[in-house]
Every structure is written in C-alpha cells, then in structure tokens.
Amino acid sequence: QVQLVESGGGLVQAGGSLRLSCAASGRTFSSYAMGWFRQTPGKERELVAAISGRGVTTYYADSVKGRFTISRDNAKNTVYLQMNSLKPEDTAVYYCAAQWYGSRSSLQAVNEYGYWGQGTQVTVSS
C-alpha cells in the first residue's frame, strides 16, 4: 500500500512558478514510478510528467516540455514537480500517482498507476 499526499498548489500569475510536492508512505518508495497528472472539468486526466523508481528515466507531455521538471528524493519518499513559465492553460487539479515499476513497466501506462493522492489545485491567472 502506498499513500500519497500532495502539497504546493495555489494561485500564481502567468509566467510564474510553483513547486508541487508529493509525500509517500511506505518503505519501498524506490520500487514505484511516480507520475503527475492533471485534470480540468469535462476533460480526461492527463499525464503531465513521470519518473522511474530511481529517477533514471523521465517522461514529459509535449505541452510542458522545457517548462516543468519532475524529480524525486527517495530518502525523503517525495516526488516534486517544478513548474516554470506557467500559463493559464496549466490551470487544473494536479494529482500524483504511483505504479509499481518493473523491468517491463512503462511510465506512460496510465492505467497502471494504482495509487493516487487527493489532488492540489493550481490556478494560473492571465
């Protein structure tokens, strides 16, 4: 079992930055790939960024490449999403999620993320 708690959301002006954090419970954090998703009303949840268990492999959606950076600190059981150059279209509820990451796992396999946080609101004003 993995429990996830996000923090760091808020209101920011366009062009600004925010850093989201997601703290995980459990002693095998490095066995899990972590992903950040976002969702707006009426739209499907979108995978924004993901990182493998040891942080070697990352994935970014095209919409955030060059602006967002995902990282993790396995000693602190925490994953981060640094968001720079924020745009109004980045406004969403952001969720962190975890999937057990084996040799055949894929960071982009959205259906494999079985553990979810409660979400944190990010609002970017124009």
N, C-alpha and C. Protein backbone atom coordinates (compact mmCIF):
# COMPACT_ATOMS: atom_id res chain seq x y z
N GLN A 1 0.83 -1.20 0.00
CA GLN A 1 0.00 0.00 0.00
C GLN A 1 0.86 1.24 0.00
N VAL A 2 0.46 2.21 -0.79
CA VAL A 2 1.14 3.49 -0.86
C VAL A 2 0.11 4.58 -0.65
N GLN A 3 0.39 5.48 0.26
CA GLN A 3 -0.48 6.64 0.45
C GLN A 3 0.28 7.88 0.02
N LEU A 4 -0.42 8.75 -0.69
CA LEU A 4 0.21 9.91 -1.31
C LEU A 4 -0.50 11.18 -0.86
N VAL A 5 0.29 12.19 -0.53
CA VAL A 5 -0.26 13.47 -0.12
C VAL A 5 0.45 14.58 -0.88
N GLU A 6 -0.32 15.32 -1.68
CA GLU A 6 0.25 16.42 -2.46
C GLU A 6 0.19 17.72 -1.66
N SER A 7 1.08 18.63 -2.02
CA SER A 7 1.07 19.97 -1.46
C SER A 7 1.74 20.92 -2.45
N GLY A 8 1.55 22.21 -2.23
CA GLY A 8 2.26 23.20 -3.03
C GLY A 8 1.43 23.90 -4.09
N GLY A 9 0.17 23.53 -4.24
CA GLY A 9 -0.66 24.22 -5.22
C GLY A 9 -1.00 25.62 -4.76
N GLY A 10 -1.63 26.37 -5.66
CA GLY A 10 -2.02 27.72 -5.30
C GLY A 10 -2.32 28.55 -6.52
N LEU A 11 -2.39 29.86 -6.29
CA LEU A 11 -2.69 30.82 -7.34
C LEU A 11 -1.41 31.55 -7.72
N VAL A 12 -1.14 31.64 -9.01
CA VAL A 12 0.07 32.30 -9.49
C VAL A 12 -0.26 33.02 -10.78
N GLN A 13 0.45 34.08 -11.05
CA GLN A 13 0.27 34.80 -12.30
C GLN A 13 0.98 34.08 -13.44
N ALA A 14 0.50 34.31 -14.64
CA ALA A 14 1.14 33.74 -15.82
C ALA A 14 2.61 34.15 -15.85
N GLY A 15 3.46 33.18 -16.19
CA GLY A 15 4.89 33.41 -16.19
C GLY A 15 5.57 33.06 -14.88
N GLY A 16 4.78 32.82 -13.86
CA GLY A 16 5.33 32.49 -12.55
C GLY A 16 5.66 31.03 -12.41
N SER A 17 6.04 30.66 -11.18
CA SER A 17 6.48 29.29 -10.90
C SER A 17 5.81 28.76 -9.65
N LEU A 18 5.68 27.46 -9.61
CA LEU A 18 5.21 26.75 -8.42
C LEU A 18 5.96 25.44 -8.36
N ARG A 19 6.14 24.93 -7.14
CA ARG A 19 6.69 23.59 -6.98
C ARG A 19 5.71 22.74 -6.19
N LEU A 20 5.28 21.66 -6.79
CA LEU A 20 4.40 20.71 -6.13
C LEU A 20 5.25 19.62 -5.49
N SER A 21 4.78 19.15 -4.35
CA SER A 21 5.42 18.04 -3.66
C SER A 21 4.40 16.94 -3.43
N CYS A 22 4.89 15.73 -3.39
CA CYS A 22 4.03 14.59 -3.10
C CYS A 22 4.80 13.66 -2.16
N ALA A 23 4.31 13.56 -0.95
CA ALA A 23 4.94 12.71 0.06
C ALA A 23 4.26 11.35 0.07
N ALA A 24 5.07 10.31 0.06
CA ALA A 24 4.55 8.94 0.01
C ALA A 24 4.87 8.19 1.29
N SER A 25 3.96 7.33 1.67
CA SER A 25 4.21 6.45 2.80
C SER A 25 4.85 5.16 2.29
N GLY A 26 5.33 4.35 3.19
CA GLY A 26 5.86 3.05 2.78
C GLY A 26 7.37 3.02 2.71
N ARG A 27 7.91 1.79 2.73
CA ARG A 27 9.36 1.64 2.79
C ARG A 27 9.98 1.26 1.46
N THR A 28 9.17 1.13 0.41
CA THR A 28 9.69 0.70 -0.89
C THR A 28 9.42 1.75 -1.95
N PHE A 29 9.57 2.98 -1.58
CA PHE A 29 9.25 4.09 -2.49
C PHE A 29 10.02 3.98 -3.79
N SER A 30 11.26 3.56 -3.74
CA SER A 30 12.08 3.49 -4.96
C SER A 30 11.62 2.39 -5.91
N SER A 31 10.73 1.53 -5.48
CA SER A 31 10.18 0.49 -6.36
C SER A 31 9.02 1.00 -7.21
N TYR A 32 8.63 2.23 -6.98
CA TYR A 32 7.46 2.79 -7.66
C TYR A 32 7.87 3.92 -8.59
N ALA A 33 7.36 3.86 -9.79
CA ALA A 33 7.41 5.03 -10.66
C ALA A 33 6.35 6.01 -10.18
N MET A 34 6.64 7.27 -10.33
CA MET A 34 5.72 8.31 -9.88
C MET A 34 5.32 9.19 -11.06
N GLY A 35 4.08 9.56 -11.08
CA GLY A 35 3.59 10.42 -12.14
C GLY A 35 2.81 11.60 -11.59
N TRP A 36 2.84 12.67 -12.32
CA TRP A 36 1.98 13.82 -12.04
C TRP A 36 0.95 13.91 -13.16
N PHE A 37 -0.30 13.93 -12.78
CA PHE A 37 -1.41 14.07 -13.71
C PHE A 37 -2.11 15.39 -13.41
N ARG A 38 -2.90 15.84 -14.38
CA ARG A 38 -3.75 16.99 -14.13
C ARG A 38 -5.10 16.79 -14.81
N GLN A 39 -6.09 17.45 -14.25
CA GLN A 39 -7.44 17.31 -14.78
C GLN A 39 -8.21 18.60 -14.62
N THR A 40 -8.92 18.97 -15.68
CA THR A 40 -9.83 20.09 -15.64
C THR A 40 -11.25 19.57 -15.88
N PRO A 41 -12.25 20.30 -15.44
CA PRO A 41 -13.64 19.83 -15.58
C PRO A 41 -13.98 19.48 -17.03
N GLY A 42 -14.56 18.32 -17.22
CA GLY A 42 -15.00 17.91 -18.54
C GLY A 42 -13.92 17.28 -19.40
N LYS A 43 -12.71 17.18 -18.86
CA LYS A 43 -11.61 16.60 -19.63
C LYS A 43 -11.05 15.38 -18.92
N GLU A 44 -10.42 14.52 -19.70
CA GLU A 44 -9.79 13.35 -19.12
C GLU A 44 -8.53 13.76 -18.35
N ARG A 45 -8.22 12.92 -17.39
CA ARG A 45 -6.98 13.16 -16.65
C ARG A 45 -5.79 12.97 -17.60
N GLU A 46 -4.85 13.89 -17.53
CA GLU A 46 -3.70 13.91 -18.45
C GLU A 46 -2.41 13.64 -17.68
N LEU A 47 -1.60 12.75 -18.19
CA LEU A 47 -0.27 12.53 -17.62
C LEU A 47 0.64 13.67 -18.05
N VAL A 48 1.16 14.37 -17.09
CA VAL A 48 2.00 15.54 -17.35
C VAL A 48 3.47 15.16 -17.33
N ALA A 49 3.88 14.41 -16.34
CA ALA A 49 5.28 14.02 -16.19
C ALA A 49 5.36 12.77 -15.34
N ALA A 50 6.41 12.00 -15.54
CA ALA A 50 6.60 10.78 -14.77
C ALA A 50 8.08 10.51 -14.62
N ILE A 51 8.40 9.73 -13.59
CA ILE A 51 9.80 9.44 -13.31
C ILE A 51 9.90 8.02 -12.79
N SER A 52 10.93 7.31 -13.21
CA SER A 52 11.12 5.93 -12.78
C SER A 52 11.57 5.88 -11.33
N GLY A 53 11.62 4.65 -10.81
CA GLY A 53 11.86 4.46 -9.39
C GLY A 53 13.15 5.07 -8.87
N ARG A 54 14.19 4.96 -9.65
CA ARG A 54 15.49 5.52 -9.24
C ARG A 54 15.79 6.84 -9.91
N GLY A 55 14.81 7.34 -10.67
CA GLY A 55 14.97 8.66 -11.26
C GLY A 55 15.77 8.68 -12.55
N VAL A 56 16.04 7.50 -13.11
CA VAL A 56 16.88 7.45 -14.31
C VAL A 56 16.10 7.88 -15.56
N THR A 57 14.84 7.51 -15.60
CA THR A 57 14.01 7.76 -16.79
C THR A 57 12.89 8.73 -16.44
N THR A 58 12.65 9.66 -17.34
CA THR A 58 11.54 10.60 -17.16
C THR A 58 10.71 10.68 -18.43
N TYR A 59 9.51 11.17 -18.25
CA TYR A 59 8.59 11.41 -19.37
C TYR A 59 7.93 12.77 -19.13
N TYR A 60 7.73 13.51 -20.22
CA TYR A 60 7.00 14.78 -20.16
C TYR A 60 6.01 14.85 -21.32
N ALA A 61 4.84 15.35 -21.02
CA ALA A 61 3.91 15.66 -22.09
C ALA A 61 4.47 16.82 -22.91
N ASP A 62 4.15 16.83 -24.20
CA ASP A 62 4.67 17.89 -25.07
C ASP A 62 4.29 19.27 -24.56
N SER A 63 3.14 19.38 -23.96
CA SER A 63 2.64 20.68 -23.52
C SER A 63 3.46 21.30 -22.39
N VAL A 64 4.28 20.48 -21.71
CA VAL A 64 5.04 21.02 -20.58
C VAL A 64 6.55 20.88 -20.74
N LYS A 65 6.99 20.27 -21.82
CA LYS A 65 8.43 20.09 -22.03
C LYS A 65 9.14 21.42 -22.03
N GLY A 66 10.25 21.47 -21.31
CA GLY A 66 11.03 22.69 -21.23
C GLY A 66 10.56 23.66 -20.16
N ARG A 67 9.39 23.38 -19.58
CA ARG A 67 8.85 24.26 -18.52
C ARG A 67 8.72 23.55 -17.19
N PHE A 68 8.40 22.28 -17.21
CA PHE A 68 8.20 21.50 -15.98
C PHE A 68 9.36 20.53 -15.81
N THR A 69 9.71 20.28 -14.56
CA THR A 69 10.74 19.30 -14.24
C THR A 69 10.26 18.41 -13.10
N ILE A 70 10.31 17.11 -13.32
CA ILE A 70 9.96 16.16 -12.28
C ILE A 70 11.24 15.63 -11.66
N SER A 71 11.22 15.46 -10.35
CA SER A 71 12.37 14.91 -9.64
C SER A 71 11.87 14.16 -8.42
N ARG A 72 12.76 13.40 -7.83
CA ARG A 72 12.36 12.65 -6.63
C ARG A 72 13.54 12.56 -5.68
N ASP A 73 13.20 12.44 -4.41
CA ASP A 73 14.19 12.23 -3.36
C ASP A 73 13.76 10.97 -2.62
N ASN A 74 14.37 9.85 -2.94
CA ASN A 74 13.93 8.58 -2.36
C ASN A 74 14.22 8.50 -0.86
N ALA A 75 15.20 9.26 -0.41
CA ALA A 75 15.48 9.27 1.03
C ALA A 75 14.36 9.94 1.81
N LYS A 76 13.63 10.83 1.14
CA LYS A 76 12.53 11.54 1.78
C LYS A 76 11.17 11.04 1.32
N ASN A 77 11.16 10.01 0.47
CA ASN A 77 9.90 9.48 -0.05
C ASN A 77 9.04 10.57 -0.68
N THR A 78 9.67 11.42 -1.46
CA THR A 78 8.96 12.57 -2.02
C THR A 78 9.29 12.74 -3.49
N VAL A 79 8.28 13.11 -4.24
CA VAL A 79 8.46 13.46 -5.65
C VAL A 79 8.00 14.91 -5.82
N TYR A 80 8.67 15.60 -6.72
CA TYR A 80 8.42 17.03 -6.93
C TYR A 80 8.06 17.30 -8.38
N LEU A 81 7.33 18.38 -8.58
CA LEU A 81 7.09 18.88 -9.92
C LEU A 81 7.35 20.38 -9.89
N GLN A 82 8.47 20.78 -10.46
CA GLN A 82 8.81 22.20 -10.57
C GLN A 82 8.16 22.72 -11.84
N MET A 83 7.32 23.73 -11.70
CA MET A 83 6.58 24.27 -12.84
C MET A 83 6.99 25.72 -13.04
N ASN A 84 7.61 26.00 -14.17
CA ASN A 84 8.05 27.34 -14.51
C ASN A 84 7.29 27.84 -15.73
N SER A 85 7.36 29.14 -15.94
CA SER A 85 6.70 29.77 -17.11
C SER A 85 5.26 29.30 -17.23
N LEU A 86 4.56 29.37 -16.13
CA LEU A 86 3.19 28.85 -16.10
C LEU A 86 2.27 29.66 -17.00
N LYS A 87 1.32 28.95 -17.59
CA LYS A 87 0.34 29.55 -18.49
C LYS A 87 -1.06 29.32 -17.93
N PRO A 88 -2.01 30.14 -18.32
CA PRO A 88 -3.39 29.93 -17.85
C PRO A 88 -3.91 28.52 -18.17
N GLU A 89 -3.46 27.97 -19.28
CA GLU A 89 -3.92 26.63 -19.65
C GLU A 89 -3.34 25.52 -18.77
N ASP A 90 -2.42 25.86 -17.90
CA ASP A 90 -1.90 24.90 -16.92
C ASP A 90 -2.82 24.78 -15.71
N THR A 91 -3.83 25.64 -15.65
CA THR A 91 -4.78 25.59 -14.54
C THR A 91 -5.49 24.24 -14.51
N ALA A 92 -5.44 23.58 -13.36
CA ALA A 92 -6.02 22.24 -13.23
C ALA A 92 -5.85 21.78 -11.79
N VAL A 93 -6.49 20.67 -11.48
CA VAL A 93 -6.17 19.94 -10.26
C VAL A 93 -5.05 18.96 -10.62
N TYR A 94 -3.98 19.01 -9.86
CA TYR A 94 -2.82 18.16 -10.11
C TYR A 94 -2.81 17.02 -9.09
N TYR A 95 -2.60 15.82 -9.62
CA TYR A 95 -2.57 14.62 -8.79
C TYR A 95 -1.23 13.93 -8.95
N CYS A 96 -0.70 13.40 -7.87
CA CYS A 96 0.42 12.49 -8.03
C CYS A 96 -0.10 11.07 -7.92
N ALA A 97 0.61 10.17 -8.57
CA ALA A 97 0.19 8.78 -8.62
C ALA A 97 1.41 7.89 -8.66
N ALA A 98 1.22 6.64 -8.26
CA ALA A 98 2.33 5.69 -8.20
C ALA A 98 1.97 4.39 -8.90
N GLN A 99 2.95 3.81 -9.55
CA GLN A 99 2.79 2.46 -10.09
C GLN A 99 4.04 1.65 -9.75
N TRP A 100 3.82 0.41 -9.40
CA TRP A 100 4.97 -0.47 -9.18
C TRP A 100 5.72 -0.57 -10.49
N TYR A 101 7.04 -0.40 -10.43
CA TYR A 101 7.81 -0.25 -11.66
C TYR A 101 8.75 -1.42 -11.83
N GLY A 102 8.40 -2.30 -12.78
CA GLY A 102 9.26 -3.43 -13.07
C GLY A 102 10.00 -3.24 -14.39
N SER A 103 10.71 -4.27 -14.79
CA SER A 103 11.56 -4.16 -15.99
C SER A 103 10.74 -3.95 -17.25
N ARG A 104 9.48 -4.34 -17.24
CA ARG A 104 8.65 -4.18 -18.43
C ARG A 104 7.62 -3.08 -18.26
N SER A 105 7.76 -2.29 -17.23
CA SER A 105 6.79 -1.23 -16.99
C SER A 105 7.05 -0.06 -17.91
N SER A 106 6.02 0.74 -18.08
CA SER A 106 6.12 1.95 -18.89
C SER A 106 5.60 3.14 -18.11
N LEU A 107 6.36 4.21 -18.13
CA LEU A 107 5.92 5.41 -17.43
C LEU A 107 4.62 5.94 -18.00
N GLN A 108 4.38 5.68 -19.29
CA GLN A 108 3.20 6.21 -19.96
C GLN A 108 1.98 5.30 -19.87
N ALA A 109 2.12 4.19 -19.15
CA ALA A 109 0.99 3.26 -19.00
C ALA A 109 0.06 3.80 -17.92
N VAL A 110 -0.80 4.71 -18.28
CA VAL A 110 -1.59 5.46 -17.30
C VAL A 110 -2.49 4.54 -16.48
N ASN A 111 -2.93 3.45 -17.07
CA ASN A 111 -3.82 2.54 -16.35
C ASN A 111 -3.10 1.75 -15.25
N GLU A 112 -1.78 1.80 -15.25
CA GLU A 112 -1.00 1.07 -14.26
C GLU A 112 -0.77 1.87 -12.98
N TYR A 113 -1.12 3.12 -12.99
CA TYR A 113 -0.96 3.93 -11.78
C TYR A 113 -2.13 3.61 -10.84
N GLY A 114 -1.84 2.87 -9.80
CA GLY A 114 -2.91 2.37 -8.95
C GLY A 114 -3.09 3.10 -7.64
N TYR A 115 -2.19 4.01 -7.35
CA TYR A 115 -2.26 4.76 -6.10
C TYR A 115 -2.29 6.25 -6.42
N TRP A 116 -3.21 6.94 -5.78
CA TRP A 116 -3.44 8.34 -6.11
C TRP A 116 -3.52 9.20 -4.86
N GLY A 117 -3.05 10.43 -5.01
CA GLY A 117 -3.25 11.42 -3.96
C GLY A 117 -4.59 12.10 -4.13
N GLN A 118 -4.87 13.05 -3.24
CA GLN A 118 -6.17 13.70 -3.23
C GLN A 118 -6.24 14.87 -4.20
N GLY A 119 -5.10 15.31 -4.70
CA GLY A 119 -5.07 16.41 -5.65
C GLY A 119 -4.82 17.75 -5.00
N THR A 120 -4.22 18.65 -5.78
CA THR A 120 -3.98 20.01 -5.32
C THR A 120 -4.27 20.96 -6.48
N GLN A 121 -4.97 22.04 -6.17
CA GLN A 121 -5.41 22.97 -7.21
C GLN A 121 -4.27 23.92 -7.60
N VAL A 122 -4.07 24.06 -8.89
CA VAL A 122 -3.14 25.05 -9.43
C VAL A 122 -3.95 25.98 -10.33
N THR A 123 -3.91 27.26 -10.03
CA THR A 123 -4.63 28.25 -10.82
C THR A 123 -3.65 29.29 -11.32
N VAL A 124 -3.62 29.49 -12.63
CA VAL A 124 -2.71 30.45 -13.25
C VAL A 124 -3.57 31.56 -13.85
N SER A 125 -3.38 32.76 -13.36
CA SER A 125 -4.16 33.89 -13.84
C SER A 125 -3.43 34.60 -14.97
N SER A 126 -4.19 35.15 -15.88
CA SER A 126 -3.59 35.84 -17.04
C SER A 126 -3.37 37.31 -16.75
